[in-house]
Every structure is written in structure tokens, then in C-alpha cells.
Amino acid sequence: TAGHGLHENEMLASIKIRPSLKDKLEEEKAKLPDLELHQVAKHVEAPEQFVMKTRRTLTGHGNKVLCMDWFKNKRRMVTSSQDGKVVVWDSFTTNKDHWVGHVPWTVCAGLSNTRI
């Protein structure tokens, strides 16, 4: 079909353009100095002392907490742990809102709107 042919032509054109874009990218990268992190770090001042203060302690996991993330409302948070639990917390009250236990495959949990 005509639409199919147009799609093929666009793909062929993009394939022809790619090498020149790649060459331009390589040229631009060559202009930048290539430095190691320790070389850059020599010229950075150390930050002033940073003091962290415990506000609340949330207890409920039986092993190391591997991951944590905040809900958009900044009141709730979700944690996952080596004990296999995923817990949703109310950070103001330190209460568990929801939890799922014995999930051995949980490595890290994330949020999508209001769901874990």
C-alpha cells in the first residue's frame, strides 16, 4: 500500500541520516575534556557539616528495609524489606495503612498514582 511504502521510505531515510548524526555526536564528544571523577572532585569544596535528625521511627519490618518512596501527598510512604513485607505507612501517625506480607520476590516497590 502507499502508506506502507511511505513508512519504508521514512525508515530508509532515517537509516541514511543516522550515521551522519552519529558522526556529529562523536565530534561533539571529542571536543569535551574526558576527566575522571577524582580529577573533578579535587576542585570541589567539601560541603559544610550536614546534621540529620530523627523525626519519627517506623517499626514493623523484621529485616533490612531495601526501598522506600513517598506518595505525592507526602503524608504516606511505602517500604519494602528483606522480610518480604511491603508496607504503606502514614508518616504523621506512624501507623501502617496497608501491608502485604510474605512476598519473597519483592526487591523494590514503586508507586503509580495511589497504587503500589
N, C-alpha and C. Protein backbone atom coordinates (compact mmCIF):
# COMPACT_ATOMS: atom_id res chain seq x y z
N THR A 1 0.83 -1.19 0.00
CA THR A 1 0.00 0.00 0.00
C THR A 1 0.87 1.24 0.00
N ALA A 2 0.25 2.37 -0.33
CA ALA A 2 1.00 3.62 -0.38
C ALA A 2 1.51 4.01 0.99
N GLY A 3 0.68 3.81 2.01
CA GLY A 3 1.09 4.15 3.38
C GLY A 3 2.25 3.29 3.83
N HIS A 4 2.21 2.01 3.44
CA HIS A 4 3.28 1.10 3.81
C HIS A 4 4.60 1.50 3.15
N GLY A 5 4.53 1.88 1.87
CA GLY A 5 5.72 2.32 1.14
C GLY A 5 6.31 3.58 1.74
N LEU A 6 5.45 4.49 2.16
CA LEU A 6 5.91 5.73 2.78
C LEU A 6 6.66 5.42 4.07
N HIS A 7 6.12 4.49 4.83
CA HIS A 7 6.77 4.10 6.08
C HIS A 7 8.16 3.53 5.81
N GLU A 8 8.28 2.69 4.78
CA GLU A 8 9.58 2.12 4.42
C GLU A 8 10.55 3.22 3.99
N ASN A 9 10.06 4.19 3.20
CA ASN A 9 10.92 5.28 2.75
C ASN A 9 11.41 6.11 3.93
N GLU A 10 10.52 6.36 4.90
CA GLU A 10 10.93 7.10 6.09
C GLU A 10 12.00 6.35 6.85
N MET A 11 11.83 5.02 6.96
CA MET A 11 12.82 4.21 7.66
C MET A 11 14.15 4.25 6.94
N LEU A 12 14.14 4.14 5.62
CA LEU A 12 15.38 4.19 4.85
C LEU A 12 16.06 5.54 5.01
N ALA A 13 15.27 6.61 5.00
CA ALA A 13 15.85 7.95 5.17
C ALA A 13 16.47 8.08 6.55
N SER A 14 15.80 7.55 7.58
CA SER A 14 16.36 7.67 8.92
C SER A 14 17.63 6.85 9.07
N ILE A 15 17.70 5.71 8.38
CA ILE A 15 18.91 4.90 8.42
C ILE A 15 20.06 5.64 7.76
N LYS A 16 19.79 6.35 6.67
CA LYS A 16 20.83 7.12 5.99
C LYS A 16 21.29 8.30 6.83
N ILE A 17 20.37 8.90 7.58
CA ILE A 17 20.72 10.07 8.40
C ILE A 17 21.51 9.65 9.63
N ARG A 18 21.19 8.50 10.20
CA ARG A 18 21.81 8.08 11.45
C ARG A 18 23.32 8.13 11.46
N PRO A 19 24.00 7.59 10.46
CA PRO A 19 25.47 7.65 10.51
C PRO A 19 25.99 9.08 10.61
N SER A 20 25.37 10.03 9.91
CA SER A 20 25.87 11.40 9.98
C SER A 20 25.59 11.99 11.36
N LEU A 21 24.45 11.67 11.96
CA LEU A 21 24.18 12.13 13.32
C LEU A 21 25.15 11.52 14.31
N LYS A 22 25.45 10.24 14.09
CA LYS A 22 26.40 9.56 14.96
C LYS A 22 27.77 10.22 14.85
N ASP A 23 28.18 10.55 13.62
CA ASP A 23 29.47 11.22 13.42
C ASP A 23 29.50 12.57 14.11
N LYS A 24 28.41 13.33 14.00
CA LYS A 24 28.34 14.64 14.65
C LYS A 24 28.43 14.50 16.16
N LEU A 25 27.75 13.49 16.69
CA LEU A 25 27.80 13.24 18.13
C LEU A 25 29.22 12.91 18.58
N GLU A 26 29.88 12.07 17.82
CA GLU A 26 31.27 11.72 18.15
C GLU A 26 32.18 12.94 18.10
N GLU A 27 31.97 13.82 17.12
CA GLU A 27 32.77 15.05 17.02
C GLU A 27 32.56 15.93 18.25
N GLU A 28 31.30 16.08 18.67
CA GLU A 28 31.00 16.91 19.84
C GLU A 28 31.58 16.30 21.10
N LYS A 29 31.50 14.98 21.23
CA LYS A 29 32.08 14.31 22.40
C LYS A 29 33.59 14.50 22.45
N ALA A 30 34.23 14.48 21.28
CA ALA A 30 35.68 14.64 21.22
C ALA A 30 36.12 16.03 21.68
N LYS A 31 35.24 17.03 21.53
CA LYS A 31 35.57 18.39 21.96
C LYS A 31 35.57 18.53 23.48
N LEU A 32 34.83 17.66 24.16
CA LEU A 32 34.72 17.75 25.61
C LEU A 32 35.92 17.08 26.27
N PRO A 33 36.42 17.67 27.35
CA PRO A 33 37.54 17.03 28.04
C PRO A 33 37.05 15.76 28.74
N ASP A 34 37.83 14.72 28.64
CA ASP A 34 37.49 13.45 29.28
C ASP A 34 38.22 13.38 30.61
N LEU A 35 37.49 13.52 31.70
CA LEU A 35 38.08 13.55 33.02
C LEU A 35 37.54 12.43 33.89
N GLU A 36 38.35 12.00 34.82
CA GLU A 36 37.92 11.03 35.81
C GLU A 36 37.26 11.77 36.97
N LEU A 37 36.41 11.09 37.71
CA LEU A 37 35.70 11.70 38.83
C LEU A 37 36.66 12.30 39.85
N HIS A 38 37.72 11.58 40.18
CA HIS A 38 38.66 12.08 41.19
C HIS A 38 39.34 13.37 40.73
N GLN A 39 39.52 13.55 39.43
CA GLN A 39 40.12 14.78 38.92
C GLN A 39 39.18 15.97 39.11
N VAL A 40 37.92 15.76 38.89
CA VAL A 40 36.94 16.83 39.07
C VAL A 40 36.73 17.10 40.55
N ALA A 41 36.71 16.06 41.36
CA ALA A 41 36.44 16.20 42.80
C ALA A 41 37.52 17.01 43.51
N LYS A 42 38.74 17.04 42.97
CA LYS A 42 39.82 17.82 43.59
C LYS A 42 39.47 19.30 43.67
N HIS A 43 38.65 19.77 42.75
CA HIS A 43 38.34 21.20 42.66
C HIS A 43 37.01 21.56 43.30
N VAL A 44 36.37 20.61 43.95
CA VAL A 44 35.07 20.86 44.58
C VAL A 44 35.26 20.99 46.08
N GLU A 45 34.69 22.05 46.66
CA GLU A 45 34.81 22.23 48.10
C GLU A 45 33.92 21.24 48.83
N ALA A 46 34.38 20.81 49.99
CA ALA A 46 33.59 19.89 50.81
C ALA A 46 32.37 20.62 51.36
N PRO A 47 31.24 19.96 51.41
CA PRO A 47 30.05 20.62 51.97
C PRO A 47 30.21 20.83 53.47
N GLU A 48 29.48 21.82 53.97
CA GLU A 48 29.50 22.04 55.41
C GLU A 48 28.88 20.82 56.08
N GLN A 49 29.12 20.71 57.38
CA GLN A 49 28.61 19.56 58.12
C GLN A 49 27.09 19.48 57.98
N PHE A 50 26.63 18.32 57.65
CA PHE A 50 25.20 18.08 57.45
C PHE A 50 24.71 17.24 58.62
N VAL A 51 23.81 17.79 59.41
CA VAL A 51 23.31 17.08 60.58
C VAL A 51 21.89 16.59 60.30
N MET A 52 21.72 15.29 60.42
CA MET A 52 20.40 14.71 60.24
C MET A 52 19.79 14.43 61.60
N LYS A 53 18.48 14.61 61.69
CA LYS A 53 17.79 14.42 62.95
C LYS A 53 16.64 13.44 62.75
N THR A 54 16.51 12.46 63.63
CA THR A 54 15.41 11.51 63.55
C THR A 54 14.13 12.21 63.97
N ARG A 55 13.12 12.18 63.12
CA ARG A 55 11.82 12.79 63.42
C ARG A 55 10.86 11.74 63.98
N ARG A 56 10.77 10.62 63.30
CA ARG A 56 9.90 9.53 63.73
C ARG A 56 10.58 8.22 63.33
N THR A 57 10.34 7.19 64.11
CA THR A 57 10.84 5.87 63.78
C THR A 57 9.65 4.97 63.50
N LEU A 58 9.65 4.37 62.34
CA LEU A 58 8.57 3.47 61.95
C LEU A 58 9.04 2.05 62.17
N THR A 59 8.36 1.31 63.03
CA THR A 59 8.76 -0.06 63.31
C THR A 59 7.73 -1.01 62.72
N GLY A 60 8.21 -2.13 62.24
CA GLY A 60 7.28 -3.10 61.66
C GLY A 60 7.94 -4.09 60.72
N HIS A 61 9.10 -3.75 60.21
CA HIS A 61 9.81 -4.70 59.35
C HIS A 61 10.70 -5.58 60.22
N GLY A 62 10.86 -6.83 59.81
CA GLY A 62 11.68 -7.76 60.57
C GLY A 62 13.09 -7.89 60.03
N ASN A 63 13.42 -7.11 59.02
CA ASN A 63 14.76 -7.18 58.43
C ASN A 63 15.06 -5.84 57.76
N LYS A 64 16.17 -5.77 57.04
CA LYS A 64 16.60 -4.52 56.41
C LYS A 64 15.56 -3.98 55.44
N VAL A 65 15.34 -2.67 55.48
CA VAL A 65 14.48 -2.01 54.51
C VAL A 65 15.30 -1.77 53.25
N LEU A 66 14.80 -2.24 52.13
CA LEU A 66 15.54 -2.16 50.87
C LEU A 66 15.15 -0.94 50.04
N CYS A 67 13.90 -0.51 50.17
CA CYS A 67 13.41 0.53 49.29
C CYS A 67 12.33 1.32 49.99
N MET A 68 12.23 2.62 49.68
CA MET A 68 11.16 3.45 50.21
C MET A 68 10.87 4.55 49.23
N ASP A 69 9.59 4.96 49.18
CA ASP A 69 9.20 6.04 48.29
C ASP A 69 8.00 6.75 48.91
N TRP A 70 7.87 8.04 48.61
CA TRP A 70 6.77 8.85 49.12
C TRP A 70 5.63 8.89 48.13
N PHE A 71 4.39 8.93 48.64
CA PHE A 71 3.23 9.22 47.82
C PHE A 71 3.29 10.69 47.45
N LYS A 72 2.51 11.10 46.46
CA LYS A 72 2.51 12.50 46.04
C LYS A 72 2.06 13.44 47.15
N ASN A 73 1.19 12.97 48.06
CA ASN A 73 0.69 13.83 49.13
C ASN A 73 1.73 14.04 50.24
N LYS A 74 2.85 13.35 50.18
CA LYS A 74 3.96 13.47 51.14
C LYS A 74 3.57 13.07 52.56
N ARG A 75 2.39 12.50 52.72
CA ARG A 75 1.99 12.02 54.04
C ARG A 75 2.24 10.51 54.15
N ARG A 76 1.97 9.81 53.08
CA ARG A 76 2.14 8.36 53.09
C ARG A 76 3.44 7.98 52.39
N MET A 77 3.94 6.83 52.79
CA MET A 77 5.14 6.29 52.16
C MET A 77 4.99 4.78 52.08
N VAL A 78 5.75 4.17 51.20
CA VAL A 78 5.74 2.72 51.05
C VAL A 78 7.17 2.22 51.22
N THR A 79 7.30 1.10 51.92
CA THR A 79 8.61 0.49 52.13
C THR A 79 8.54 -0.98 51.76
N SER A 80 9.67 -1.52 51.35
CA SER A 80 9.79 -2.97 51.15
C SER A 80 11.04 -3.42 51.87
N SER A 81 11.02 -4.67 52.31
CA SER A 81 12.10 -5.14 53.17
C SER A 81 12.52 -6.55 52.79
N GLN A 82 13.67 -6.95 53.34
CA GLN A 82 14.16 -8.31 53.14
C GLN A 82 13.26 -9.33 53.81
N ASP A 83 12.40 -8.89 54.72
CA ASP A 83 11.48 -9.82 55.37
C ASP A 83 10.31 -10.21 54.46
N GLY A 84 10.23 -9.61 53.27
CA GLY A 84 9.19 -9.93 52.31
C GLY A 84 7.94 -9.10 52.44
N LYS A 85 7.94 -8.11 53.32
CA LYS A 85 6.76 -7.26 53.52
C LYS A 85 6.86 -5.99 52.70
N VAL A 86 5.71 -5.55 52.19
CA VAL A 86 5.57 -4.23 51.59
C VAL A 86 4.56 -3.51 52.47
N VAL A 87 4.94 -2.35 53.01
CA VAL A 87 4.10 -1.63 53.97
C VAL A 87 3.84 -0.22 53.47
N VAL A 88 2.58 0.21 53.56
CA VAL A 88 2.21 1.61 53.30
C VAL A 88 1.99 2.24 54.66
N TRP A 89 2.72 3.33 54.93
CA TRP A 89 2.70 3.99 56.23
C TRP A 89 2.04 5.36 56.15
N ASP A 90 1.41 5.77 57.26
CA ASP A 90 1.00 7.15 57.46
C ASP A 90 2.15 7.77 58.25
N SER A 91 2.92 8.62 57.63
CA SER A 91 4.13 9.15 58.28
C SER A 91 3.81 10.12 59.41
N PHE A 92 2.60 10.68 59.45
CA PHE A 92 2.25 11.59 60.54
C PHE A 92 1.95 10.82 61.82
N THR A 93 1.24 9.69 61.68
CA THR A 93 0.85 8.91 62.86
C THR A 93 1.78 7.72 63.11
N THR A 94 2.61 7.36 62.16
CA THR A 94 3.49 6.19 62.14
C THR A 94 2.71 4.87 62.09
N ASN A 95 1.42 4.93 61.78
CA ASN A 95 0.61 3.71 61.65
C ASN A 95 0.78 3.10 60.27
N LYS A 96 0.60 1.77 60.22
CA LYS A 96 0.60 1.08 58.93
C LYS A 96 -0.80 1.20 58.34
N ASP A 97 -0.91 1.74 57.15
CA ASP A 97 -2.21 1.82 56.47
C ASP A 97 -2.55 0.49 55.80
N HIS A 98 -1.59 -0.08 55.10
CA HIS A 98 -1.77 -1.35 54.40
C HIS A 98 -0.44 -2.08 54.42
N TRP A 99 -0.51 -3.40 54.35
CA TRP A 99 0.72 -4.16 54.20
C TRP A 99 0.44 -5.50 53.54
N VAL A 100 1.44 -5.99 52.86
CA VAL A 100 1.39 -7.30 52.22
C VAL A 100 2.59 -8.05 52.74
N GLY A 101 2.35 -9.22 53.32
CA GLY A 101 3.45 -9.98 53.89
C GLY A 101 3.81 -11.19 53.06
N HIS A 102 4.96 -11.74 53.36
CA HIS A 102 5.44 -12.98 52.75
C HIS A 102 5.47 -12.91 51.24
N VAL A 103 6.11 -11.89 50.72
CA VAL A 103 6.29 -11.75 49.28
C VAL A 103 7.79 -11.90 49.01
N PRO A 104 8.27 -13.14 48.86
CA PRO A 104 9.71 -13.35 48.76
C PRO A 104 10.36 -12.72 47.54
N TRP A 105 9.57 -12.39 46.51
CA TRP A 105 10.14 -11.84 45.28
C TRP A 105 10.21 -10.34 45.30
N THR A 106 9.81 -9.68 46.39
CA THR A 106 9.84 -8.22 46.44
C THR A 106 11.27 -7.74 46.60
N VAL A 107 11.74 -7.01 45.64
CA VAL A 107 13.05 -6.38 45.72
C VAL A 107 12.87 -4.90 45.98
N CYS A 108 11.95 -4.29 45.26
CA CYS A 108 11.70 -2.87 45.41
C CYS A 108 10.27 -2.59 44.95
N ALA A 109 9.61 -1.64 45.62
CA ALA A 109 8.24 -1.29 45.25
C ALA A 109 8.21 0.15 44.78
N GLY A 110 7.31 0.46 43.89
CA GLY A 110 7.16 1.83 43.40
C GLY A 110 5.70 2.22 43.40
N LEU A 111 5.44 3.48 43.13
CA LEU A 111 4.08 3.98 43.18
C LEU A 111 3.61 4.44 41.81
N SER A 112 2.36 4.18 41.53
CA SER A 112 1.71 4.69 40.34
C SER A 112 0.40 5.29 40.79
N ASN A 113 0.33 6.61 40.86
CA ASN A 113 -0.83 7.31 41.42
C ASN A 113 -1.04 6.87 42.86
N THR A 114 -2.07 6.11 43.15
CA THR A 114 -2.32 5.70 44.53
C THR A 114 -2.14 4.21 44.74
N ARG A 115 -1.60 3.52 43.75
CA ARG A 115 -1.41 2.07 43.86
C ARG A 115 0.05 1.74 44.02
N ILE A 116 0.32 0.63 44.69
CA ILE A 116 1.70 0.15 44.84
C ILE A 116 2.05 -0.62 43.59
